N, C-alpha and C. Protein backbone atom coordinates (compact mmCIF):
# COMPACT_ATOMS: atom_id res chain seq x y z
N MET A 1 -2.48 10.30 6.64
CA MET A 1 -3.11 9.01 6.48
C MET A 1 -2.30 7.93 7.20
N PHE A 2 -0.99 8.01 7.09
CA PHE A 2 -0.13 7.01 7.72
C PHE A 2 -0.39 6.94 9.22
N ARG A 3 -0.46 8.08 9.87
CA ARG A 3 -0.69 8.10 11.33
C ARG A 3 -2.09 7.62 11.68
N ASN A 4 -3.07 7.98 10.86
CA ASN A 4 -4.45 7.58 11.15
C ASN A 4 -4.69 6.09 10.95
N TYR A 5 -3.86 5.45 10.17
CA TYR A 5 -4.04 4.02 9.87
C TYR A 5 -2.79 3.22 10.22
N SER A 6 -2.22 3.53 11.38
CA SER A 6 -0.99 2.84 11.79
C SER A 6 -1.21 1.36 12.04
N ASP A 7 -2.46 0.93 12.19
CA ASP A 7 -2.72 -0.49 12.33
C ASP A 7 -2.53 -1.23 11.00
N PHE A 8 -2.46 -0.48 9.89
CA PHE A 8 -2.23 -1.07 8.57
C PHE A 8 -0.81 -0.86 8.07
N PHE A 9 -0.20 0.27 8.41
CA PHE A 9 1.09 0.64 7.82
C PHE A 9 2.15 0.91 8.88
N GLU A 10 3.40 0.72 8.49
CA GLU A 10 4.52 1.06 9.36
C GLU A 10 5.63 1.70 8.53
N ALA A 11 6.39 2.55 9.18
CA ALA A 11 7.51 3.22 8.50
C ALA A 11 8.71 2.29 8.51
N ILE A 12 9.45 2.29 7.42
CA ILE A 12 10.73 1.59 7.37
C ILE A 12 11.78 2.61 6.98
N ASP A 13 12.95 2.43 7.48
CA ASP A 13 14.02 3.39 7.21
C ASP A 13 15.27 2.62 6.80
N GLU A 14 15.27 2.24 5.53
CA GLU A 14 16.43 1.53 5.00
C GLU A 14 17.26 2.53 4.22
N GLU A 15 17.51 2.29 2.96
CA GLU A 15 18.26 3.24 2.15
C GLU A 15 17.50 4.54 1.97
N GLU A 16 16.17 4.44 1.90
CA GLU A 16 15.32 5.62 1.84
C GLU A 16 14.07 5.33 2.64
N ALA A 17 13.51 6.36 3.24
CA ALA A 17 12.32 6.19 4.06
C ALA A 17 11.16 5.73 3.20
N ALA A 18 10.35 4.84 3.75
CA ALA A 18 9.20 4.31 3.03
C ALA A 18 8.15 3.86 4.04
N ILE A 19 7.01 3.53 3.53
CA ILE A 19 5.92 3.00 4.34
C ILE A 19 5.59 1.63 3.77
N LYS A 20 5.37 0.65 4.66
CA LYS A 20 5.00 -0.68 4.18
C LYS A 20 3.80 -1.20 4.96
N LEU A 21 3.19 -2.20 4.39
CA LEU A 21 2.04 -2.84 5.00
C LEU A 21 2.53 -3.64 6.21
N ARG A 22 1.82 -3.53 7.30
CA ARG A 22 2.21 -4.27 8.51
C ARG A 22 2.09 -5.78 8.31
N GLU A 23 2.94 -6.49 9.01
CA GLU A 23 2.91 -7.95 9.02
C GLU A 23 1.51 -8.41 9.40
N GLY A 24 0.99 -9.37 8.66
CA GLY A 24 -0.32 -9.92 8.96
C GLY A 24 -1.47 -9.23 8.24
N LYS A 25 -1.23 -8.07 7.65
CA LYS A 25 -2.27 -7.37 6.88
C LYS A 25 -2.17 -7.84 5.43
N THR A 26 -3.31 -7.90 4.77
CA THR A 26 -3.35 -8.39 3.40
C THR A 26 -3.95 -7.35 2.47
N VAL A 27 -3.83 -7.62 1.18
CA VAL A 27 -4.46 -6.77 0.18
C VAL A 27 -5.97 -6.77 0.40
N GLU A 28 -6.51 -7.91 0.76
CA GLU A 28 -7.95 -7.99 1.03
C GLU A 28 -8.34 -7.07 2.19
N ASP A 29 -7.49 -7.00 3.22
CA ASP A 29 -7.75 -6.09 4.34
C ASP A 29 -7.80 -4.64 3.85
N LEU A 30 -6.87 -4.30 2.97
CA LEU A 30 -6.84 -2.94 2.41
C LEU A 30 -8.09 -2.66 1.59
N LYS A 31 -8.48 -3.62 0.78
CA LYS A 31 -9.68 -3.45 -0.05
C LYS A 31 -10.90 -3.20 0.82
N GLU A 32 -11.05 -3.98 1.87
CA GLU A 32 -12.20 -3.82 2.76
C GLU A 32 -12.22 -2.45 3.42
N LYS A 33 -11.06 -1.97 3.84
CA LYS A 33 -10.99 -0.71 4.58
C LYS A 33 -11.07 0.51 3.67
N PHE A 34 -10.36 0.50 2.53
CA PHE A 34 -10.16 1.71 1.76
C PHE A 34 -10.86 1.78 0.41
N ARG A 35 -11.21 0.71 -0.16
CA ARG A 35 -11.67 0.71 -1.55
C ARG A 35 -12.89 1.59 -1.77
N THR A 36 -13.82 1.58 -0.90
CA THR A 36 -15.05 2.34 -1.11
C THR A 36 -14.85 3.84 -0.95
N TYR A 37 -13.74 4.26 -0.38
CA TYR A 37 -13.51 5.67 -0.12
C TYR A 37 -12.68 6.37 -1.19
N LYS A 38 -12.21 5.64 -2.17
CA LYS A 38 -11.31 6.23 -3.18
C LYS A 38 -12.00 6.36 -4.53
N ALA A 39 -11.54 7.32 -5.27
CA ALA A 39 -12.06 7.50 -6.63
C ALA A 39 -11.66 6.31 -7.49
N PHE A 40 -12.45 6.02 -8.49
CA PHE A 40 -12.19 4.87 -9.36
C PHE A 40 -10.82 4.94 -10.01
N ASP A 41 -10.39 6.13 -10.46
CA ASP A 41 -9.07 6.27 -11.08
C ASP A 41 -7.96 5.88 -10.12
N LEU A 42 -8.10 6.25 -8.87
CA LEU A 42 -7.09 5.92 -7.87
C LEU A 42 -7.07 4.41 -7.61
N ILE A 43 -8.23 3.81 -7.52
CA ILE A 43 -8.31 2.36 -7.33
C ILE A 43 -7.66 1.64 -8.51
N SER A 44 -7.94 2.11 -9.71
CA SER A 44 -7.34 1.50 -10.90
C SER A 44 -5.83 1.59 -10.86
N ALA A 45 -5.30 2.71 -10.40
CA ALA A 45 -3.85 2.88 -10.30
C ALA A 45 -3.26 1.91 -9.28
N TYR A 46 -3.94 1.72 -8.15
CA TYR A 46 -3.47 0.78 -7.14
C TYR A 46 -3.39 -0.64 -7.68
N MET A 47 -4.31 -0.97 -8.56
CA MET A 47 -4.40 -2.34 -9.04
C MET A 47 -3.70 -2.58 -10.38
N ALA A 48 -3.20 -1.55 -11.02
CA ALA A 48 -2.58 -1.68 -12.34
C ALA A 48 -1.32 -2.54 -12.26
N GLU A 49 -1.21 -3.48 -13.17
CA GLU A 49 -0.04 -4.38 -13.19
C GLU A 49 1.27 -3.61 -13.28
N THR A 50 1.29 -2.55 -14.08
CA THR A 50 2.51 -1.76 -14.23
C THR A 50 2.91 -1.12 -12.91
N THR A 51 1.95 -0.51 -12.23
CA THR A 51 2.22 0.14 -10.95
C THR A 51 2.72 -0.86 -9.93
N VAL A 52 2.00 -1.96 -9.81
CA VAL A 52 2.37 -2.99 -8.84
C VAL A 52 3.75 -3.56 -9.16
N GLY A 53 4.04 -3.79 -10.44
CA GLY A 53 5.35 -4.30 -10.84
C GLY A 53 6.48 -3.36 -10.48
N ILE A 54 6.27 -2.09 -10.68
CA ILE A 54 7.30 -1.09 -10.34
C ILE A 54 7.55 -1.09 -8.84
N LEU A 55 6.49 -1.11 -8.04
CA LEU A 55 6.65 -1.11 -6.59
C LEU A 55 7.33 -2.38 -6.10
N TYR A 56 6.93 -3.53 -6.65
CA TYR A 56 7.60 -4.78 -6.26
C TYR A 56 9.07 -4.75 -6.62
N ALA A 57 9.41 -4.26 -7.80
CA ALA A 57 10.81 -4.21 -8.23
C ALA A 57 11.62 -3.27 -7.35
N LYS A 58 11.04 -2.12 -7.05
CA LYS A 58 11.76 -1.12 -6.25
C LYS A 58 12.04 -1.61 -4.83
N TYR A 59 11.07 -2.29 -4.23
CA TYR A 59 11.20 -2.70 -2.84
C TYR A 59 11.45 -4.19 -2.68
N ASN A 60 11.81 -4.86 -3.77
CA ASN A 60 12.19 -6.28 -3.74
C ASN A 60 11.17 -7.13 -2.99
N CYS A 61 9.92 -6.96 -3.32
CA CYS A 61 8.85 -7.72 -2.65
C CYS A 61 8.64 -9.07 -3.31
């Protein structure tokens, strides 16, 4: 998926390898592109406050 959507994501190699949203891309861009293709449970996980909080804390966003 990362390679197929490189216009949305880029690899970062800091303390550990990760993938991040490219500069200039927004959550709204992601919703428009991907939301209709994912199962409801997966969408709910993406949007869950707990999940988002953990990711923000881990990557200091």
